Amino acid sequence: EAVRHFVIRRWKFWLSRRSHKSAI
């Protein structure tokens, strides 16, 4: 569950940096 939790947070973090807009 810890691995899955981390993957979710990292995915959100890097999707938020696809552009210069604010975080998702």
PDB file of all heavy atoms in Angstrom:
ATOM      1  N   GLU A   1       0.830  -1.204   0.000  1.00  0.00           N
ATOM      2  CA  GLU A   1       0.000   0.000   0.000  1.00  0.00           C
ATOM      3  C   GLU A   1       0.866   1.257   0.000  1.00  0.00           C
ATOM      4  O   GLU A   1       0.510   2.268  -0.618  1.00  0.00           O
ATOM      5  CB  GLU A   1      -0.929  -0.015   1.207  1.00  0.00           C
ATOM      6  CG  GLU A   1      -2.058  -1.024   1.074  1.00  0.00           C
ATOM      7  CD  GLU A   1      -2.828  -1.210   2.361  1.00  0.00           C
ATOM      8  OE1 GLU A   1      -2.366  -0.686   3.402  1.00  0.00           O
ATOM      9  OE2 GLU A   1      -3.891  -1.890   2.344  1.00  0.00           O
ATOM     10  N   ALA A   2       2.003   1.200   0.693  1.00  0.00           N
ATOM     11  CA  ALA A   2       2.923   2.344   0.718  1.00  0.00           C
ATOM     12  C   ALA A   2       3.462   2.639  -0.681  1.00  0.00           C
ATOM     13  O   ALA A   2       3.587   3.804  -1.082  1.00  0.00           O
ATOM     14  CB  ALA A   2       4.070   2.079   1.684  1.00  0.00           C
ATOM     15  N   VAL A   3       3.792   1.583  -1.434  1.00  0.00           N
ATOM     16  CA  VAL A   3       4.279   1.762  -2.799  1.00  0.00           C
ATOM     17  C   VAL A   3       3.195   2.390  -3.667  1.00  0.00           C
ATOM     18  O   VAL A   3       3.449   3.332  -4.424  1.00  0.00           O
ATOM     19  CB  VAL A   3       4.746   0.413  -3.389  1.00  0.00           C
ATOM     20  CG1 VAL A   3       5.004   0.543  -4.891  1.00  0.00           C
ATOM     21  CG2 VAL A   3       6.008  -0.073  -2.688  1.00  0.00           C
ATOM     22  N   ARG A   4       1.980   1.870  -3.574  1.00  0.00           N
ATOM     23  CA  ARG A   4       0.875   2.425  -4.371  1.00  0.00           C
ATOM     24  C   ARG A   4       0.622   3.887  -4.012  1.00  0.00           C
ATOM     25  O   ARG A   4       0.425   4.728  -4.896  1.00  0.00           O
ATOM     26  CB  ARG A   4      -0.403   1.616  -4.159  1.00  0.00           C
ATOM     27  CG  ARG A   4      -1.567   2.085  -5.022  1.00  0.00           C
ATOM     28  CD  ARG A   4      -2.805   1.227  -4.801  1.00  0.00           C
ATOM     29  NE  ARG A   4      -3.881   1.586  -5.714  1.00  0.00           N
ATOM     30  CZ  ARG A   4      -4.783   2.514  -5.476  1.00  0.00           C
ATOM     31  NH1 ARG A   4      -4.721   3.208  -4.336  1.00  0.00           N
ATOM     32  NH2 ARG A   4      -5.743   2.760  -6.369  1.00  0.00           N
ATOM     33  N   HIS A   5       0.631   4.199  -2.721  1.00  0.00           N
ATOM     34  CA  HIS A   5       0.422   5.571  -2.271  1.00  0.00           C
ATOM     35  C   HIS A   5       1.473   6.509  -2.861  1.00  0.00           C
ATOM     36  O   HIS A   5       1.146   7.606  -3.336  1.00  0.00           O
ATOM     37  CB  HIS A   5       0.450   5.620  -0.743  1.00  0.00           C
ATOM     38  CG  HIS A   5       0.317   6.994  -0.174  1.00  0.00           C
ATOM     39  ND1 HIS A   5      -0.871   7.690  -0.156  1.00  0.00           N
ATOM     40  CD2 HIS A   5       1.249   7.818   0.393  1.00  0.00           C
ATOM     41  CE1 HIS A   5      -0.680   8.873   0.402  1.00  0.00           C
ATOM     42  NE2 HIS A   5       0.591   8.977   0.743  1.00  0.00           N
ATOM     43  N   PHE A   6       2.714   6.075  -2.833  1.00  0.00           N
ATOM     44  CA  PHE A   6       3.793   6.904  -3.374  1.00  0.00           C
ATOM     45  C   PHE A   6       3.623   7.121  -4.874  1.00  0.00           C
ATOM     46  O   PHE A   6       3.799   8.238  -5.363  1.00  0.00           O
ATOM     47  CB  PHE A   6       5.153   6.259  -3.102  1.00  0.00           C
ATOM     48  CG  PHE A   6       6.290   7.027  -3.702  1.00  0.00           C
ATOM     49  CD1 PHE A   6       6.885   8.071  -3.021  1.00  0.00           C
ATOM     50  CD2 PHE A   6       6.757   6.724  -4.975  1.00  0.00           C
ATOM     51  CE1 PHE A   6       7.925   8.795  -3.594  1.00  0.00           C
ATOM     52  CE2 PHE A   6       7.797   7.440  -5.548  1.00  0.00           C
ATOM     53  CZ  PHE A   6       8.378   8.478  -4.861  1.00  0.00           C
ATOM     54  N   VAL A   7       3.289   6.059  -5.597  1.00  0.00           N
ATOM     55  CA  VAL A   7       3.118   6.179  -7.045  1.00  0.00           C
ATOM     56  C   VAL A   7       2.019   7.189  -7.375  1.00  0.00           C
ATOM     57  O   VAL A   7       2.177   8.024  -8.277  1.00  0.00           O
ATOM     58  CB  VAL A   7       2.809   4.814  -7.670  1.00  0.00           C
ATOM     59  CG1 VAL A   7       2.392   4.966  -9.134  1.00  0.00           C
ATOM     60  CG2 VAL A   7       4.025   3.903  -7.575  1.00  0.00           C
ATOM     61  N   ILE A   8       0.917   7.143  -6.634  1.00  0.00           N
ATOM     62  CA  ILE A   8      -0.176   8.093  -6.864  1.00  0.00           C
ATOM     63  C   ILE A   8       0.307   9.525  -6.662  1.00  0.00           C
ATOM     64  O   ILE A   8       0.039  10.414  -7.479  1.00  0.00           O
ATOM     65  CB  ILE A   8      -1.369   7.778  -5.939  1.00  0.00           C
ATOM     66  CG1 ILE A   8      -2.053   6.486  -6.397  1.00  0.00           C
ATOM     67  CG2 ILE A   8      -2.369   8.929  -5.920  1.00  0.00           C
ATOM     68  CD1 ILE A   8      -3.147   6.009  -5.465  1.00  0.00           C
ATOM     69  N   ARG A   9       1.038   9.772  -5.571  1.00  0.00           N
ATOM     70  CA  ARG A   9       1.513  11.124  -5.274  1.00  0.00           C
ATOM     71  C   ARG A   9       2.535  11.596  -6.309  1.00  0.00           C
ATOM     72  O   ARG A   9       2.523  12.753  -6.719  1.00  0.00           O
ATOM     73  CB  ARG A   9       2.100  11.173  -3.870  1.00  0.00           C
ATOM     74  CG  ARG A   9       1.075  10.910  -2.761  1.00  0.00           C
ATOM     75  CD  ARG A   9       1.675  11.147  -1.391  1.00  0.00           C
ATOM     76  NE  ARG A   9       1.946  12.551  -1.139  1.00  0.00           N
ATOM     77  CZ  ARG A   9       1.067  13.416  -0.670  1.00  0.00           C
ATOM     78  NH1 ARG A   9      -0.176  13.025  -0.396  1.00  0.00           N
ATOM     79  NH2 ARG A   9       1.406  14.680  -0.459  1.00  0.00           N
ATOM     80  N   ARG A  10       3.436  10.701  -6.710  1.00  0.00           N
ATOM     81  CA  ARG A  10       4.432  11.081  -7.708  1.00  0.00           C
ATOM     82  C   ARG A  10       3.791  11.318  -9.071  1.00  0.00           C
ATOM     83  O   ARG A  10       4.205  12.213  -9.794  1.00  0.00           O
ATOM     84  CB  ARG A  10       5.497   9.990  -7.827  1.00  0.00           C
ATOM     85  CG  ARG A  10       6.467   9.896  -6.675  1.00  0.00           C
ATOM     86  CD  ARG A  10       7.422  11.088  -6.590  1.00  0.00           C
ATOM     87  NE  ARG A  10       6.845  12.176  -5.791  1.00  0.00           N
ATOM     88  CZ  ARG A  10       7.423  13.373  -5.655  1.00  0.00           C
ATOM     89  NH1 ARG A  10       8.538  13.645  -6.329  1.00  0.00           N
ATOM     90  NH2 ARG A  10       6.860  14.297  -4.904  1.00  0.00           N
ATOM     91  N   TRP A  11       2.819  10.530  -9.403  1.00  0.00           N
ATOM     92  CA  TRP A  11       2.139  10.724 -10.687  1.00  0.00           C
ATOM     93  C   TRP A  11       1.452  12.087 -10.714  1.00  0.00           C
ATOM     94  O   TRP A  11       1.561  12.818 -11.685  1.00  0.00           O
ATOM     95  CB  TRP A  11       1.131   9.592 -10.916  1.00  0.00           C
ATOM     96  CG  TRP A  11       0.671   9.493 -12.340  1.00  0.00           C
ATOM     97  CD1 TRP A  11       1.340   9.917 -13.456  1.00  0.00           C
ATOM     98  CD2 TRP A  11      -0.553   8.925 -12.801  1.00  0.00           C
ATOM     99  NE1 TRP A  11       0.609   9.637 -14.591  1.00  0.00           N
ATOM    100  CE2 TRP A  11      -0.556   9.026 -14.216  1.00  0.00           C
ATOM    101  CE3 TRP A  11      -1.634   8.310 -12.170  1.00  0.00           C
ATOM    102  CZ2 TRP A  11      -1.619   8.573 -15.006  1.00  0.00           C
ATOM    103  CZ3 TRP A  11      -2.687   7.842 -12.952  1.00  0.00           C
ATOM    104  CH2 TRP A  11      -2.673   7.982 -14.354  1.00  0.00           C
ATOM    105  N   LYS A  12       0.752  12.421  -9.645  1.00  0.00           N
ATOM    106  CA  LYS A  12       0.105  13.730  -9.556  1.00  0.00           C
ATOM    107  C   LYS A  12       1.136  14.854  -9.631  1.00  0.00           C
ATOM    108  O   LYS A  12       0.938  15.855 -10.328  1.00  0.00           O
ATOM    109  CB  LYS A  12      -0.679  13.848  -8.253  1.00  0.00           C
ATOM    110  CG  LYS A  12      -1.319  15.215  -8.036  1.00  0.00           C
ATOM    111  CD  LYS A  12      -2.007  15.294  -6.697  1.00  0.00           C
ATOM    112  CE  LYS A  12      -2.641  16.657  -6.467  1.00  0.00           C
ATOM    113  NZ  LYS A  12      -1.652  17.769  -6.453  1.00  0.00           N
ATOM    114  N   PHE A  13       2.245  14.693  -8.897  1.00  0.00           N
ATOM    115  CA  PHE A  13       3.282  15.723  -8.855  1.00  0.00           C
ATOM    116  C   PHE A  13       3.820  16.028 -10.251  1.00  0.00           C
ATOM    117  O   PHE A  13       3.921  17.202 -10.637  1.00  0.00           O
ATOM    118  CB  PHE A  13       4.411  15.266  -7.941  1.00  0.00           C
ATOM    119  CG  PHE A  13       5.551  16.247  -7.835  1.00  0.00           C
ATOM    120  CD1 PHE A  13       5.528  17.269  -6.904  1.00  0.00           C
ATOM    121  CD2 PHE A  13       6.662  16.152  -8.674  1.00  0.00           C
ATOM    122  CE1 PHE A  13       6.580  18.178  -6.808  1.00  0.00           C
ATOM    123  CE2 PHE A  13       7.714  17.040  -8.586  1.00  0.00           C
ATOM    124  CZ  PHE A  13       7.668  18.060  -7.655  1.00  0.00           C
ATOM    125  N   TRP A  14       4.141  14.986 -11.018  1.00  0.00           N
ATOM    126  CA  TRP A  14       4.746  15.216 -12.323  1.00  0.00           C
ATOM    127  C   TRP A  14       3.722  15.564 -13.397  1.00  0.00           C
ATOM    128  O   TRP A  14       4.050  16.284 -14.347  1.00  0.00           O
ATOM    129  CB  TRP A  14       5.578  14.020 -12.733  1.00  0.00           C
ATOM    130  CG  TRP A  14       6.855  13.945 -11.927  1.00  0.00           C
ATOM    131  CD1 TRP A  14       7.185  13.000 -11.008  1.00  0.00           C
ATOM    132  CD2 TRP A  14       7.921  14.894 -11.940  1.00  0.00           C
ATOM    133  NE1 TRP A  14       8.405  13.285 -10.436  1.00  0.00           N
ATOM    134  CE2 TRP A  14       8.880  14.454 -11.002  1.00  0.00           C
ATOM    135  CE3 TRP A  14       8.175  16.062 -12.648  1.00  0.00           C
ATOM    136  CZ2 TRP A  14      10.072  15.136 -10.750  1.00  0.00           C
ATOM    137  CZ3 TRP A  14       9.356  16.764 -12.403  1.00  0.00           C
ATOM    138  CH2 TRP A  14      10.282  16.300 -11.467  1.00  0.00           C
ATOM    139  N   LEU A  15       2.480  15.123 -13.246  1.00  0.00           N
ATOM    140  CA  LEU A  15       1.440  15.590 -14.169  1.00  0.00           C
ATOM    141  C   LEU A  15       1.191  17.084 -13.983  1.00  0.00           C
ATOM    142  O   LEU A  15       0.847  17.788 -14.946  1.00  0.00           O
ATOM    143  CB  LEU A  15       0.136  14.820 -13.953  1.00  0.00           C
ATOM    144  CG  LEU A  15       0.089  13.369 -14.480  1.00  0.00           C
ATOM    145  CD1 LEU A  15      -1.263  12.742 -14.172  1.00  0.00           C
ATOM    146  CD2 LEU A  15       0.365  13.314 -15.981  1.00  0.00           C
ATOM    147  N   SER A  16       1.372  17.564 -12.761  1.00  0.00           N
ATOM    148  CA  SER A  16       1.198  18.992 -12.488  1.00  0.00           C
ATOM    149  C   SER A  16       2.285  19.842 -13.125  1.00  0.00           C
ATOM    150  O   SER A  16       2.155  21.064 -13.208  1.00  0.00           O
ATOM    151  CB  SER A  16       1.173  19.245 -10.975  1.00  0.00           C
ATOM    152  OG  SER A  16       0.068  18.613 -10.352  1.00  0.00           O
ATOM    153  N   ARG A  17       3.333  19.210 -13.572  1.00  0.00           N
ATOM    154  CA  ARG A  17       4.456  19.925 -14.178  1.00  0.00           C
ATOM    155  C   ARG A  17       4.561  19.702 -15.675  1.00  0.00           C
ATOM    156  O   ARG A  17       5.621  19.904 -16.271  1.00  0.00           O
ATOM    157  CB  ARG A  17       5.755  19.557 -13.465  1.00  0.00           C
ATOM    158  CG  ARG A  17       5.898  20.325 -12.141  1.00  0.00           C
ATOM    159  CD  ARG A  17       6.669  19.602 -11.093  1.00  0.00           C
ATOM    160  NE  ARG A  17       6.725  20.421  -9.875  1.00  0.00           N
ATOM    161  CZ  ARG A  17       5.708  20.545  -9.010  1.00  0.00           C
ATOM    162  NH1 ARG A  17       4.549  19.926  -9.257  1.00  0.00           N
ATOM    163  NH2 ARG A  17       5.847  21.302  -7.930  1.00  0.00           N
ATOM    164  N   ARG A  18       3.442  19.302 -16.259  1.00  0.00           N
ATOM    165  CA  ARG A  18       3.399  19.204 -17.720  1.00  0.00           C
ATOM    166  C   ARG A  18       3.383  20.579 -18.379  1.00  0.00           C
ATOM    167  O   ARG A  18       3.706  20.725 -19.555  1.00  0.00           O
ATOM    168  CB  ARG A  18       2.154  18.424 -18.146  1.00  0.00           C
ATOM    169  CG  ARG A  18       2.264  16.929 -17.901  1.00  0.00           C
ATOM    170  CD  ARG A  18       0.897  16.286 -17.835  1.00  0.00           C
ATOM    171  NE  ARG A  18       0.143  16.353 -19.062  1.00  0.00           N
ATOM    172  CZ  ARG A  18       0.095  15.386 -19.991  1.00  0.00           C
ATOM    173  NH1 ARG A  18       0.813  14.275 -19.829  1.00  0.00           N
ATOM    174  NH2 ARG A  18      -0.666  15.503 -21.052  1.00  0.00           N
ATOM    175  N   SER A  19       3.008  21.593 -17.607  1.00  0.00           N
ATOM    176  CA  SER A  19       2.970  22.957 -18.128  1.00  0.00           C
ATOM    177  C   SER A  19       3.320  23.925 -17.001  1.00  0.00           C
ATOM    178  O   SER A  19       3.609  23.515 -15.871  1.00  0.00           O
ATOM    179  CB  SER A  19       1.594  23.276 -18.701  1.00  0.00           C
ATOM    180  OG  SER A  19       0.624  23.320 -17.662  1.00  0.00           O
ATOM    181  N   HIS A  20       3.272  25.223 -17.295  1.00  0.00           N
ATOM    182  CA  HIS A  20       3.572  26.242 -16.301  1.00  0.00           C
ATOM    183  C   HIS A  20       2.359  26.621 -15.464  1.00  0.00           C
ATOM    184  O   HIS A  20       2.435  27.537 -14.632  1.00  0.00           O
ATOM    185  CB  HIS A  20       4.123  27.505 -16.992  1.00  0.00           C
ATOM    186  CG  HIS A  20       5.425  27.272 -17.694  1.00  0.00           C
ATOM    187  ND1 HIS A  20       6.589  27.001 -17.017  1.00  0.00           N
ATOM    188  CD2 HIS A  20       5.733  27.244 -19.017  1.00  0.00           C
ATOM    189  CE1 HIS A  20       7.577  26.813 -17.888  1.00  0.00           C
ATOM    190  NE2 HIS A  20       7.085  26.964 -19.112  1.00  0.00           N
ATOM    191  N   LYS A  21       1.238  25.938 -15.691  1.00  0.00           N
ATOM    192  CA  LYS A  21       0.057  26.215 -14.910  1.00  0.00           C
ATOM    193  C   LYS A  21       0.221  25.715 -13.480  1.00  0.00           C
ATOM    194  O   LYS A  21       1.165  25.001 -13.171  1.00  0.00           O
ATOM    195  CB  LYS A  21      -1.160  25.574 -15.571  1.00  0.00           C
ATOM    196  CG  LYS A  21      -1.469  26.095 -16.972  1.00  0.00           C
ATOM    197  CD  LYS A  21      -2.675  25.402 -17.561  1.00  0.00           C
ATOM    198  CE  LYS A  21      -2.973  25.908 -18.967  1.00  0.00           C
ATOM    199  NZ  LYS A  21      -4.143  25.209 -19.562  1.00  0.00           N
ATOM    200  N   SER A  22      -0.707  26.092 -12.629  1.00  0.00           N
ATOM    201  CA  SER A  22      -0.644  25.665 -11.235  1.00  0.00           C
ATOM    202  C   SER A  22      -0.853  24.156 -11.118  1.00  0.00           C
ATOM    203  O   SER A  22      -1.324  23.496 -12.050  1.00  0.00           O
ATOM    204  CB  SER A  22      -1.699  26.411 -10.405  1.00  0.00           C
ATOM    205  OG  SER A  22      -3.000  26.148 -10.913  1.00  0.00           O
ATOM    206  N   ALA A  23      -0.494  23.622  -9.957  1.00  0.00           N
ATOM    207  CA  ALA A  23      -0.599  22.186  -9.728  1.00  0.00           C
ATOM    208  C   ALA A  23      -2.044  21.706  -9.851  1.00  0.00           C
ATOM    209  O   ALA A  23      -2.995  22.448  -9.606  1.00  0.00           O
ATOM    210  CB  ALA A  23      -0.059  21.848  -8.347  1.00  0.00           C
ATOM    211  N   ILE A  24      -2.215  20.456 -10.229  1.00  0.00           N
ATOM    212  CA  ILE A  24      -3.539  19.844 -10.348  1.00  0.00           C
ATOM    213  C   ILE A  24      -4.136  19.691  -8.951  1.00  0.00           C
ATOM    214  O   ILE A  24      -3.521  19.066  -8.070  1.00  0.00           O
ATOM    215  CB  ILE A  24      -3.462  18.476 -11.036  1.00  0.00           C
ATOM    216  CG1 ILE A  24      -2.870  18.608 -12.437  1.00  0.00           C
ATOM    217  CG2 ILE A  24      -4.840  17.823 -11.104  1.00  0.00           C
ATOM    218  CD1 ILE A  24      -2.620  17.265 -13.115  1.00  0.00           C
TER     219      ILE A  24
END
